[in-house]
PDB file of all heavy atoms in Angstrom:
ATOM      1  N   VAL A   1     282.037  25.482  27.400  1.00  0.00           N
ATOM      2  CA  VAL A   1     282.140  26.825  26.831  1.00  0.00           C
ATOM      3  C   VAL A   1     282.502  26.717  25.353  1.00  0.00           C
ATOM      4  O   VAL A   1     283.425  26.011  24.987  1.00  0.00           O
ATOM      5  CB  VAL A   1     283.225  27.647  27.572  1.00  0.00           C
ATOM      6  CG1 VAL A   1     283.390  29.001  26.937  1.00  0.00           C
ATOM      7  CG2 VAL A   1     282.874  27.789  29.038  1.00  0.00           C
ATOM      8  N   LEU A   2     281.762  27.408  24.504  1.00  0.00           N
ATOM      9  CA  LEU A   2     282.111  27.504  23.095  1.00  0.00           C
ATOM     10  C   LEU A   2     282.887  28.796  22.891  1.00  0.00           C
ATOM     11  O   LEU A   2     282.479  29.855  23.375  1.00  0.00           O
ATOM     12  CB  LEU A   2     280.857  27.492  22.218  1.00  0.00           C
ATOM     13  CG  LEU A   2     280.047  26.204  22.249  1.00  0.00           C
ATOM     14  CD1 LEU A   2     278.734  26.398  21.503  1.00  0.00           C
ATOM     15  CD2 LEU A   2     280.830  25.060  21.649  1.00  0.00           C
ATOM     16  N   ILE A   3     284.001  28.720  22.212  1.00  0.00           N
ATOM     17  CA  ILE A   3     284.821  29.905  22.007  1.00  0.00           C
ATOM     18  C   ILE A   3     284.082  30.875  21.086  1.00  0.00           C
ATOM     19  O   ILE A   3     283.612  30.495  20.016  1.00  0.00           O
ATOM     20  CB  ILE A   3     286.196  29.520  21.458  1.00  0.00           C
ATOM     21  CG1 ILE A   3     286.933  28.706  22.524  1.00  0.00           C
ATOM     22  CG2 ILE A   3     286.984  30.742  21.035  1.00  0.00           C
ATOM     23  CD1 ILE A   3     288.259  28.150  22.116  1.00  0.00           C
ATOM     24  N   GLY A   4     283.953  32.101  21.541  1.00  0.00           N
ATOM     25  CA  GLY A   4     283.252  33.129  20.778  1.00  0.00           C
ATOM     26  C   GLY A   4     281.794  33.296  21.159  1.00  0.00           C
ATOM     27  O   GLY A   4     281.131  34.205  20.657  1.00  0.00           O
ATOM     28  N   MET A   5     281.272  32.462  22.056  1.00  0.00           N
ATOM     29  CA  MET A   5     279.844  32.540  22.372  1.00  0.00           C
ATOM     30  C   MET A   5     279.479  33.838  23.080  1.00  0.00           C
ATOM     31  O   MET A   5     278.344  34.287  22.993  1.00  0.00           O
ATOM     32  CB  MET A   5     279.390  31.348  23.203  1.00  0.00           C
ATOM     33  CG  MET A   5     279.875  31.295  24.608  1.00  0.00           C
ATOM     34  SD  MET A   5     279.277  29.783  25.369  1.00  0.00           S
ATOM     35  CE  MET A   5     279.604  30.155  27.074  1.00  0.00           C
ATOM     36  N   HIS A   6     280.432  34.476  23.726  1.00  0.00           N
ATOM     37  CA  HIS A   6     280.147  35.738  24.418  1.00  0.00           C
ATOM     38  C   HIS A   6     279.927  36.900  23.443  1.00  0.00           C
ATOM     39  O   HIS A   6     279.451  37.954  23.830  1.00  0.00           O
ATOM     40  CB  HIS A   6     281.299  36.076  25.379  1.00  0.00           C
ATOM     41  CG  HIS A   6     282.583  36.389  24.682  1.00  0.00           C
ATOM     42  ND1 HIS A   6     283.380  35.401  24.136  1.00  0.00           N
ATOM     43  CD2 HIS A   6     283.189  37.561  24.408  1.00  0.00           C
ATOM     44  CE1 HIS A   6     284.439  35.968  23.579  1.00  0.00           C
ATOM     45  NE2 HIS A   6     284.353  37.269  23.724  1.00  0.00           N
ATOM     46  N   LEU A   7     280.235  36.693  22.163  1.00  0.00           N
ATOM     47  CA  LEU A   7     280.100  37.756  21.166  1.00  0.00           C
ATOM     48  C   LEU A   7     278.701  37.841  20.566  1.00  0.00           C
ATOM     49  O   LEU A   7     278.392  38.797  19.873  1.00  0.00           O
ATOM     50  CB  LEU A   7     281.116  37.534  20.037  1.00  0.00           C
ATOM     51  CG  LEU A   7     282.587  37.521  20.460  1.00  0.00           C
ATOM     52  CD1 LEU A   7     283.460  37.070  19.298  1.00  0.00           C
ATOM     53  CD2 LEU A   7     282.987  38.882  20.970  1.00  0.00           C
ATOM     54  N   TRP A   8     277.869  36.819  20.817  1.00  0.00           N
ATOM     55  CA  TRP A   8     276.562  36.744  20.175  1.00  0.00           C
ATOM     56  C   TRP A   8     275.463  36.648  21.228  1.00  0.00           C
ATOM     57  O   TRP A   8     275.610  35.977  22.231  1.00  0.00           O
ATOM     58  CB  TRP A   8     276.494  35.520  19.263  1.00  0.00           C
ATOM     59  CG  TRP A   8     277.613  35.483  18.290  1.00  0.00           C
ATOM     60  CD1 TRP A   8     278.780  34.775  18.400  1.00  0.00           C
ATOM     61  CD2 TRP A   8     277.708  36.211  17.066  1.00  0.00           C
ATOM     62  NE1 TRP A   8     279.580  35.010  17.320  1.00  0.00           N
ATOM     63  CE2 TRP A   8     278.955  35.887  16.478  1.00  0.00           C
ATOM     64  CE3 TRP A   8     276.870  37.101  16.404  1.00  0.00           C
ATOM     65  CZ2 TRP A   8     279.366  36.426  15.267  1.00  0.00           C
ATOM     66  CZ3 TRP A   8     277.281  37.629  15.200  1.00  0.00           C
ATOM     67  CH2 TRP A   8     278.513  37.290  14.645  1.00  0.00           C
ATOM     68  N   SER A   9     274.318  37.289  20.969  1.00  0.00           N
ATOM     69  CA  SER A   9     273.219  37.232  21.935  1.00  0.00           C
ATOM     70  C   SER A   9     272.028  36.437  21.429  1.00  0.00           C
ATOM     71  O   SER A   9     271.330  35.812  22.200  1.00  0.00           O
ATOM     72  CB  SER A   9     272.775  38.643  22.311  1.00  0.00           C
ATOM     73  OG  SER A   9     272.320  39.323  21.170  1.00  0.00           O
ATOM     74  N   LYS A  10     271.783  36.471  20.133  1.00  0.00           N
ATOM     75  CA  LYS A  10     270.637  35.720  19.607  1.00  0.00           C
ATOM     76  C   LYS A  10     270.792  35.553  18.105  1.00  0.00           C
ATOM     77  O   LYS A  10     271.646  36.158  17.474  1.00  0.00           O
ATOM     78  CB  LYS A  10     269.332  36.431  19.923  1.00  0.00           C
ATOM     79  CG  LYS A  10     269.254  37.837  19.345  1.00  0.00           C
ATOM     80  CD  LYS A  10     267.976  38.507  19.751  1.00  0.00           C
ATOM     81  CE  LYS A  10     267.984  39.952  19.259  1.00  0.00           C
ATOM     82  NZ  LYS A  10     266.782  40.659  19.598  1.00  0.00           N
ATOM     83  N   GLY A  11     269.923  34.747  17.547  1.00  0.00           N
ATOM     84  CA  GLY A  11     269.920  34.520  16.110  1.00  0.00           C
ATOM     85  C   GLY A  11     269.127  33.275  15.770  1.00  0.00           C
ATOM     86  O   GLY A  11     268.865  32.441  16.630  1.00  0.00           O
ATOM     87  N   LYS A  12     268.738  33.147  14.533  1.00  0.00           N
ATOM     88  CA  LYS A  12     267.980  31.986  14.084  1.00  0.00           C
ATOM     89  C   LYS A  12     268.891  30.859  13.641  1.00  0.00           C
ATOM     90  O   LYS A  12     268.461  29.734  13.488  1.00  0.00           O
ATOM     91  CB  LYS A  12     267.063  32.378  12.926  1.00  0.00           C
ATOM     92  CG  LYS A  12     265.974  33.337  13.330  1.00  0.00           C
ATOM     93  CD  LYS A  12     265.087  33.645  12.158  1.00  0.00           C
ATOM     94  CE  LYS A  12     263.992  34.613  12.585  1.00  0.00           C
ATOM     95  NZ  LYS A  12     263.076  34.901  11.489  1.00  0.00           N
ATOM     96  N   LYS A  13     270.150  31.174  13.438  1.00  0.00           N
ATOM     97  CA  LYS A  13     271.100  30.199  12.915  1.00  0.00           C
ATOM     98  C   LYS A  13     272.379  30.308  13.741  1.00  0.00           C
ATOM     99  O   LYS A  13     272.784  31.397  14.128  1.00  0.00           O
ATOM    100  CB  LYS A  13     271.391  30.545  11.453  1.00  0.00           C
ATOM    101  CG  LYS A  13     272.366  29.668  10.758  1.00  0.00           C
ATOM    102  CD  LYS A  13     272.499  30.134   9.302  1.00  0.00           C
ATOM    103  CE  LYS A  13     273.486  29.296   8.542  1.00  0.00           C
ATOM    104  NZ  LYS A  13     273.617  29.722   7.155  1.00  0.00           N
ATOM    105  N   LEU A  14     273.001  29.161  14.028  1.00  0.00           N
ATOM    106  CA  LEU A  14     274.274  29.146  14.734  1.00  0.00           C
ATOM    107  C   LEU A  14     275.222  28.239  13.965  1.00  0.00           C
ATOM    108  O   LEU A  14     274.888  27.104  13.650  1.00  0.00           O
ATOM    109  CB  LEU A  14     274.115  28.615  16.157  1.00  0.00           C
ATOM    110  CG  LEU A  14     275.415  28.421  16.948  1.00  0.00           C
ATOM    111  CD1 LEU A  14     276.092  29.762  17.192  1.00  0.00           C
ATOM    112  CD2 LEU A  14     275.155  27.701  18.245  1.00  0.00           C
ATOM    113  N   VAL A  15     276.397  28.738  13.651  1.00  0.00           N
ATOM    114  CA  VAL A  15     277.412  27.967  12.949  1.00  0.00           C
ATOM    115  C   VAL A  15     278.470  27.561  13.965  1.00  0.00           C
ATOM    116  O   VAL A  15     279.000  28.407  14.686  1.00  0.00           O
ATOM    117  CB  VAL A  15     278.045  28.793  11.807  1.00  0.00           C
ATOM    118  CG1 VAL A  15     279.143  28.002  11.124  1.00  0.00           C
ATOM    119  CG2 VAL A  15     276.982  29.218  10.814  1.00  0.00           C
ATOM    120  N   ILE A  16     278.744  26.260  14.049  1.00  0.00           N
ATOM    121  CA  ILE A  16     279.754  25.737  14.963  1.00  0.00           C
ATOM    122  C   ILE A  16     280.896  25.176  14.132  1.00  0.00           C
ATOM    123  O   ILE A  16     280.681  24.320  13.277  1.00  0.00           O
ATOM    124  CB  ILE A  16     279.172  24.633  15.877  1.00  0.00           C
ATOM    125  CG1 ILE A  16     277.989  25.200  16.670  1.00  0.00           C
ATOM    126  CG2 ILE A  16     280.251  24.092  16.809  1.00  0.00           C
ATOM    127  CD1 ILE A  16     277.233  24.162  17.473  1.00  0.00           C
ATOM    128  N   THR A  17     282.100  25.673  14.387  1.00  0.00           N
ATOM    129  CA  THR A  17     283.272  25.225  13.642  1.00  0.00           C
ATOM    130  C   THR A  17     284.180  24.391  14.543  1.00  0.00           C
ATOM    131  O   THR A  17     284.060  24.417  15.769  1.00  0.00           O
ATOM    132  CB  THR A  17     284.062  26.421  13.080  1.00  0.00           C
ATOM    133  OG1 THR A  17     284.551  27.203  14.163  1.00  0.00           O
ATOM    134  CG2 THR A  17     283.195  27.268  12.169  1.00  0.00           C
ATOM    135  N   GLU A  18     285.109  23.693  13.913  1.00  0.00           N
ATOM    136  CA  GLU A  18     286.021  22.837  14.670  1.00  0.00           C
ATOM    137  C   GLU A  18     287.132  23.637  15.353  1.00  0.00           C
ATOM    138  O   GLU A  18     287.597  23.282  16.423  1.00  0.00           O
ATOM    139  CB  GLU A  18     286.641  21.793  13.749  1.00  0.00           C
ATOM    140  CG  GLU A  18     287.521  20.808  14.475  1.00  0.00           C
ATOM    141  CD  GLU A  18     288.077  19.730  13.585  1.00  0.00           C
ATOM    142  OE1 GLU A  18     287.742  19.671  12.397  1.00  0.00           O
ATOM    143  OE2 GLU A  18     288.873  18.933  14.094  1.00  0.00           O
ATOM    144  N   GLY A  19     287.550  24.733  14.765  1.00  0.00           N
ATOM    145  CA  GLY A  19     288.660  25.489  15.330  1.00  0.00           C
ATOM    146  C   GLY A  19     288.459  26.992  15.235  1.00  0.00           C
ATOM    147  O   GLY A  19     287.571  27.485  14.530  1.00  0.00           O
ATOM    148  N   GLU A  20     289.317  27.709  15.937  1.00  0.00           N
ATOM    149  CA  GLU A  20     289.197  29.165  16.005  1.00  0.00           C
ATOM    150  C   GLU A  20     289.473  29.837  14.658  1.00  0.00           C
ATOM    151  O   GLU A  20     288.813  30.809  14.305  1.00  0.00           O
ATOM    152  CB  GLU A  20     290.160  29.728  17.059  1.00  0.00           C
ATOM    153  CG  GLU A  20     289.874  29.243  18.466  1.00  0.00           C
ATOM    154  CD  GLU A  20     290.497  27.894  18.771  1.00  0.00           C
ATOM    155  OE1 GLU A  20     291.466  27.494  18.104  1.00  0.00           O
ATOM    156  OE2 GLU A  20     289.987  27.219  19.679  1.00  0.00           O
ATOM    157  N   ILE A  21     290.432  29.333  13.916  1.00  0.00           N
ATOM    158  CA  ILE A  21     290.727  29.930  12.606  1.00  0.00           C
ATOM    159  C   ILE A  21     289.552  29.719  11.658  1.00  0.00           C
ATOM    160  O   ILE A  21     289.194  30.615  10.895  1.00  0.00           O
ATOM    161  CB  ILE A  21     292.042  29.369  12.026  1.00  0.00           C
ATOM    162  CG1 ILE A  21     293.210  29.842  12.903  1.00  0.00           C
ATOM    163  CG2 ILE A  21     292.238  29.805  10.582  1.00  0.00           C
ATOM    164  CD1 ILE A  21     294.555  29.312  12.511  1.00  0.00           C
ATOM    165  N   ASP A  22     288.917  28.550  11.729  1.00  0.00           N
ATOM    166  CA  ASP A  22     287.710  28.295  10.931  1.00  0.00           C
ATOM    167  C   ASP A  22     286.611  29.289  11.313  1.00  0.00           C
ATOM    168  O   ASP A  22     285.906  29.820  10.451  1.00  0.00           O
ATOM    169  CB  ASP A  22     287.201  26.877  11.141  1.00  0.00           C
ATOM    170  CG  ASP A  22     288.207  25.821  10.755  1.00  0.00           C
ATOM    171  OD1 ASP A  22     288.999  26.068   9.821  1.00  0.00           O
ATOM    172  OD2 ASP A  22     288.213  24.744  11.380  1.00  0.00           O
ATOM    173  N   MET A  23     286.464  29.528  12.609  1.00  0.00           N
ATOM    174  CA  MET A  23     285.452  30.456  13.106  1.00  0.00           C
ATOM    175  C   MET A  23     285.702  31.862  12.553  1.00  0.00           C
ATOM    176  O   MET A  23     284.783  32.513  12.045  1.00  0.00           O
ATOM    177  CB  MET A  23     285.487  30.486  14.639  1.00  0.00           C
ATOM    178  CG  MET A  23     284.560  31.492  15.271  1.00  0.00           C
ATOM    179  SD  MET A  23     284.741  31.591  17.077  1.00  0.00           S
ATOM    180  CE  MET A  23     286.290  32.478  17.212  1.00  0.00           C
ATOM    181  N   LEU A  24     286.929  32.325  12.643  1.00  0.00           N
ATOM    182  CA  LEU A  24     287.269  33.655  12.149  1.00  0.00           C
ATOM    183  C   LEU A  24     287.111  33.759  10.634  1.00  0.00           C
ATOM    184  O   LEU A  24     286.631  34.768  10.122  1.00  0.00           O
ATOM    185  CB  LEU A  24     288.696  34.010  12.557  1.00  0.00           C
ATOM    186  CG  LEU A  24     288.936  34.134  14.066  1.00  0.00           C
ATOM    187  CD1 LEU A  24     290.423  34.266  14.352  1.00  0.00           C
ATOM    188  CD2 LEU A  24     288.159  35.287  14.644  1.00  0.00           C
ATOM    189  N   SER A  25     287.495  32.700   9.927  1.00  0.00           N
ATOM    190  CA  SER A  25     287.374  32.691   8.462  1.00  0.00           C
ATOM    191  C   SER A  25     285.914  32.759   8.032  1.00  0.00           C
ATOM    192  O   SER A  25     285.551  33.528   7.134  1.00  0.00           O
ATOM    193  CB  SER A  25     288.025  31.438   7.882  1.00  0.00           C
ATOM    194  OG  SER A  25     289.397  31.412   8.173  1.00  0.00           O
ATOM    195  N   TYR A  26     285.057  31.958   8.673  1.00  0.00           N
ATOM    196  CA  TYR A  26     283.641  31.970   8.331  1.00  0.00           C
ATOM    197  C   TYR A  26     283.036  33.348   8.596  1.00  0.00           C
ATOM    198  O   TYR A  26     282.283  33.875   7.779  1.00  0.00           O
ATOM    199  CB  TYR A  26     282.877  30.898   9.114  1.00  0.00           C
ATOM    200  CG  TYR A  26     281.418  30.853   8.744  1.00  0.00           C
ATOM    201  CD1 TYR A  26     280.998  30.092   7.659  1.00  0.00           C
ATOM    202  CD2 TYR A  26     280.477  31.591   9.437  1.00  0.00           C
ATOM    203  CE1 TYR A  26     279.656  30.072   7.293  1.00  0.00           C
ATOM    204  CE2 TYR A  26     279.142  31.586   9.081  1.00  0.00           C
ATOM    205  CZ  TYR A  26     278.743  30.807   8.006  1.00  0.00           C
ATOM    206  OH  TYR A  26     277.425  30.798   7.643  1.00  0.00           O
ATOM    207  N   GLY A  27     283.377  33.924   9.746  1.00  0.00           N
ATOM    208  CA  GLY A  27     282.865  35.253  10.073  1.00  0.00           C
ATOM    209  C   GLY A  27     283.268  36.293   9.050  1.00  0.00           C
ATOM    210  O   GLY A  27     282.473  37.141   8.651  1.00  0.00           O
ATOM    211  N   GLU A  28     284.505  36.213   8.595  1.00  0.00           N
ATOM    212  CA  GLU A  28     284.989  37.183   7.605  1.00  0.00           C
ATOM    213  C   GLU A  28     284.299  36.999   6.256  1.00  0.00           C
ATOM    214  O   GLU A  28     283.888  37.968   5.625  1.00  0.00           O
ATOM    215  CB  GLU A  28     286.498  37.051   7.437  1.00  0.00           C
ATOM    216  CG  GLU A  28     287.074  38.104   6.522  1.00  0.00           C
ATOM    217  CD  GLU A  28     288.591  38.110   6.498  1.00  0.00           C
ATOM    218  OE1 GLU A  28     289.212  37.670   7.464  1.00  0.00           O
ATOM    219  OE2 GLU A  28     289.142  38.570   5.488  1.00  0.00           O
ATOM    220  N   VAL A  29     284.147  35.778   5.816  1.00  0.00           N
ATOM    221  CA  VAL A  29     283.542  35.507   4.513  1.00  0.00           C
ATOM    222  C   VAL A  29     282.071  35.927   4.478  1.00  0.00           C
ATOM    223  O   VAL A  29     281.586  36.427   3.466  1.00  0.00           O
ATOM    224  CB  VAL A  29     283.690  34.008   4.154  1.00  0.00           C
ATOM    225  CG1 VAL A  29     282.825  33.616   2.973  1.00  0.00           C
ATOM    226  CG2 VAL A  29     285.141  33.674   3.874  1.00  0.00           C
ATOM    227  N   THR A  30     281.362  35.737   5.592  1.00  0.00           N
ATOM    228  CA  THR A  30     279.931  36.057   5.622  1.00  0.00           C
ATOM    229  C   THR A  30     279.640  37.458   6.146  1.00  0.00           C
ATOM    230  O   THR A  30     278.476  37.839   6.270  1.00  0.00           O
ATOM    231  CB  THR A  30     279.168  35.040   6.490  1.00  0.00           C
ATOM    232  OG1 THR A  30     279.658  35.130   7.833  1.00  0.00           O
ATOM    233  CG2 THR A  30     279.317  33.635   5.963  1.00  0.00           C
ATOM    234  N   GLY A  31     280.676  38.221   6.487  1.00  0.00           N
ATOM    235  CA  GLY A  31     280.454  39.552   7.038  1.00  0.00           C
ATOM    236  C   GLY A  31     279.816  39.505   8.414  1.00  0.00           C
ATOM    237  O   GLY A  31     279.074  40.407   8.793  1.00  0.00           O
TER     238      GLY A  31
END
C-alpha cells in the first residue's frame, strides 16, 4: 500500500516520495 494512493484515480504522472511530510509538501507546492 502506498500512503495517499486512495486520493488519486488516474494521471499521466505519479510522484513517489520517501515520507508523508514530503508527500504533503510536494502536493502543496504544486497545488
